[in-house]
Amino acid sequence: MNTGLPFTNGLIAFWLLLGTTFGVIAGLSAFLIIYREYAQHRLSPRETTRHAASGALFAALFFFVGTLIVGFALSHVIHVGPD
């Protein structure tokens, strides 16, 4: 019985790449949605950009960290390979 963690460098790199990809997509999407919504309220472009950037950063970090947590959990639940 193998009691070691199933992490390998390739698996860690995969989840980091997937987390980065999801984070970038979520951040860009959040920025565009928030910017459009705040622009409709006739705020200054600087204030609109600031609000959109903070929302985009939060969304990107949320999805990046969430992907890493799910990846860590799945790598311990689903172990492919000989024991």
C-alpha atoms as a PDB file:
ATOM      1  CA  MET A   1       0.000   0.000   0.000  1.00  0.00           C
ATOM      2  CA  ASN A   2       1.341   3.373  -1.023  1.00  0.00           C
ATOM      3  CA  THR A   3       0.908   5.973   1.728  1.00  0.00           C
ATOM      4  CA  GLY A   4       2.810   8.758  -0.050  1.00  0.00           C
ATOM      5  CA  LEU A   5       1.101  11.697  -1.661  1.00  0.00           C
ATOM      6  CA  PRO A   6       0.301  11.193  -5.344  1.00  0.00           C
ATOM      7  CA  PHE A   7       1.714  14.605  -6.279  1.00  0.00           C
ATOM      8  CA  THR A   8       4.299  14.791  -9.009  1.00  0.00           C
ATOM      9  CA  ASN A   9       5.867  17.822 -10.635  1.00  0.00           C
ATOM     10  CA  GLY A  10       3.734  17.242 -13.725  1.00  0.00           C
ATOM     11  CA  LEU A  11       0.537  17.130 -11.692  1.00  0.00           C
ATOM     12  CA  ILE A  12       1.398  20.301  -9.796  1.00  0.00           C
ATOM     13  CA  ALA A  13       2.263  22.066 -13.060  1.00  0.00           C
ATOM     14  CA  PHE A  14      -1.034  20.920 -14.580  1.00  0.00           C
ATOM     15  CA  TRP A  15      -3.138  22.356 -11.739  1.00  0.00           C
ATOM     16  CA  LEU A  16      -1.117  25.594 -11.692  1.00  0.00           C
ATOM     17  CA  LEU A  17      -1.626  25.987 -15.434  1.00  0.00           C
ATOM     18  CA  LEU A  18      -5.337  25.201 -15.161  1.00  0.00           C
ATOM     19  CA  GLY A  19      -5.727  27.588 -12.202  1.00  0.00           C
ATOM     20  CA  THR A  20      -3.917  30.351 -14.055  1.00  0.00           C
ATOM     21  CA  THR A  21      -6.063  29.828 -17.132  1.00  0.00           C
ATOM     22  CA  PHE A  22      -9.315  29.875 -15.147  1.00  0.00           C
ATOM     23  CA  GLY A  23      -8.107  32.881 -13.164  1.00  0.00           C
ATOM     24  CA  VAL A  24      -7.273  34.912 -16.263  1.00  0.00           C
ATOM     25  CA  ILE A  25     -10.573  34.079 -17.952  1.00  0.00           C
ATOM     26  CA  ALA A  26     -12.550  34.887 -14.794  1.00  0.00           C
ATOM     27  CA  GLY A  27     -10.624  38.120 -14.233  1.00  0.00           C
ATOM     28  CA  LEU A  28     -11.128  39.377 -17.767  1.00  0.00           C
ATOM     29  CA  SER A  29     -14.795  38.460 -17.731  1.00  0.00           C
ATOM     30  CA  ALA A  30     -15.344  40.146 -14.376  1.00  0.00           C
ATOM     31  CA  PHE A  31     -13.503  43.268 -15.525  1.00  0.00           C
ATOM     32  CA  LEU A  32     -15.633  43.611 -18.648  1.00  0.00           C
ATOM     33  CA  ILE A  33     -18.917  42.977 -16.834  1.00  0.00           C
ATOM     34  CA  ILE A  34     -18.166  45.307 -13.919  1.00  0.00           C
ATOM     35  CA  TYR A  35     -16.773  48.040 -16.172  1.00  0.00           C
ATOM     36  CA  ARG A  36     -19.893  47.989 -18.337  1.00  0.00           C
ATOM     37  CA  GLU A  37     -22.216  48.101 -15.332  1.00  0.00           C
ATOM     38  CA  TYR A  38     -20.394  50.973 -13.635  1.00  0.00           C
ATOM     39  CA  ALA A  39     -20.111  52.879 -16.918  1.00  0.00           C
ATOM     40  CA  GLN A  40     -23.914  52.872 -17.184  1.00  0.00           C
ATOM     41  CA  HIS A  41     -24.088  54.751 -13.874  1.00  0.00           C
ATOM     42  CA  ARG A  42     -22.100  57.641 -15.333  1.00  0.00           C
ATOM     43  CA  LEU A  43     -19.142  57.372 -12.983  1.00  0.00           C
ATOM     44  CA  SER A  44     -15.801  58.808 -13.996  1.00  0.00           C
ATOM     45  CA  PRO A  45     -13.657  56.526 -16.178  1.00  0.00           C
ATOM     46  CA  ARG A  46     -10.966  56.413 -13.488  1.00  0.00           C
ATOM     47  CA  GLU A  47     -13.394  55.332 -10.764  1.00  0.00           C
ATOM     48  CA  THR A  48     -15.052  52.821 -13.089  1.00  0.00           C
ATOM     49  CA  THR A  49     -11.684  51.293 -13.978  1.00  0.00           C
ATOM     50  CA  ARG A  50     -10.685  51.107 -10.308  1.00  0.00           C
ATOM     51  CA  HIS A  51     -13.858  49.263  -9.339  1.00  0.00           C
ATOM     52  CA  ALA A  52     -13.606  46.924 -12.323  1.00  0.00           C
ATOM     53  CA  ALA A  53      -9.943  46.144 -11.606  1.00  0.00           C
ATOM     54  CA  SER A  54     -10.597  45.315  -7.960  1.00  0.00           C
ATOM     55  CA  GLY A  55     -13.480  43.023  -8.913  1.00  0.00           C
ATOM     56  CA  ALA A  56     -11.366  41.373 -11.593  1.00  0.00           C
ATOM     57  CA  LEU A  57      -8.532  40.759  -9.149  1.00  0.00           C
ATOM     58  CA  PHE A  58     -10.899  39.182  -6.644  1.00  0.00           C
ATOM     59  CA  ALA A  59     -12.457  36.935  -9.298  1.00  0.00           C
ATOM     60  CA  ALA A  60      -9.065  35.880 -10.663  1.00  0.00           C
ATOM     61  CA  LEU A  61      -7.707  35.000  -7.214  1.00  0.00           C
ATOM     62  CA  PHE A  62     -10.919  33.202  -6.269  1.00  0.00           C
ATOM     63  CA  PHE A  63     -10.826  30.975  -9.342  1.00  0.00           C
ATOM     64  CA  PHE A  64      -7.057  30.404  -9.117  1.00  0.00           C
ATOM     65  CA  VAL A  65      -7.180  29.334  -5.474  1.00  0.00           C
ATOM     66  CA  GLY A  66     -10.390  27.381  -6.006  1.00  0.00           C
ATOM     67  CA  THR A  67      -8.838  25.418  -8.846  1.00  0.00           C
ATOM     68  CA  LEU A  68      -5.790  24.598  -6.740  1.00  0.00           C
ATOM     69  CA  ILE A  69      -7.967  23.398  -3.852  1.00  0.00           C
ATOM     70  CA  VAL A  70     -10.098  21.244  -6.137  1.00  0.00           C
ATOM     71  CA  GLY A  71      -6.954  19.900  -7.810  1.00  0.00           C
ATOM     72  CA  PHE A  72      -5.404  19.033  -4.468  1.00  0.00           C
ATOM     73  CA  ALA A  73      -8.593  17.271  -3.354  1.00  0.00           C
ATOM     74  CA  LEU A  74      -9.018  15.376  -6.622  1.00  0.00           C
ATOM     75  CA  SER A  75      -5.405  14.255  -6.699  1.00  0.00           C
ATOM     76  CA  HIS A  76      -5.933  12.583  -3.335  1.00  0.00           C
ATOM     77  CA  VAL A  77      -9.289  11.039  -4.260  1.00  0.00           C
ATOM     78  CA  ILE A  78      -8.414   9.883  -7.768  1.00  0.00           C
ATOM     79  CA  HIS A  79      -5.068   8.132  -7.762  1.00  0.00           C
ATOM     80  CA  VAL A  80      -4.102   6.560 -11.065  1.00  0.00           C
ATOM     81  CA  GLY A  81      -1.180   4.207 -11.007  1.00  0.00           C
ATOM     82  CA  PRO A  82       0.114   1.130  -9.279  1.00  0.00           C
ATOM     83  CA  ASP A  83      -0.074   1.011  -5.484  1.00  0.00           C
END
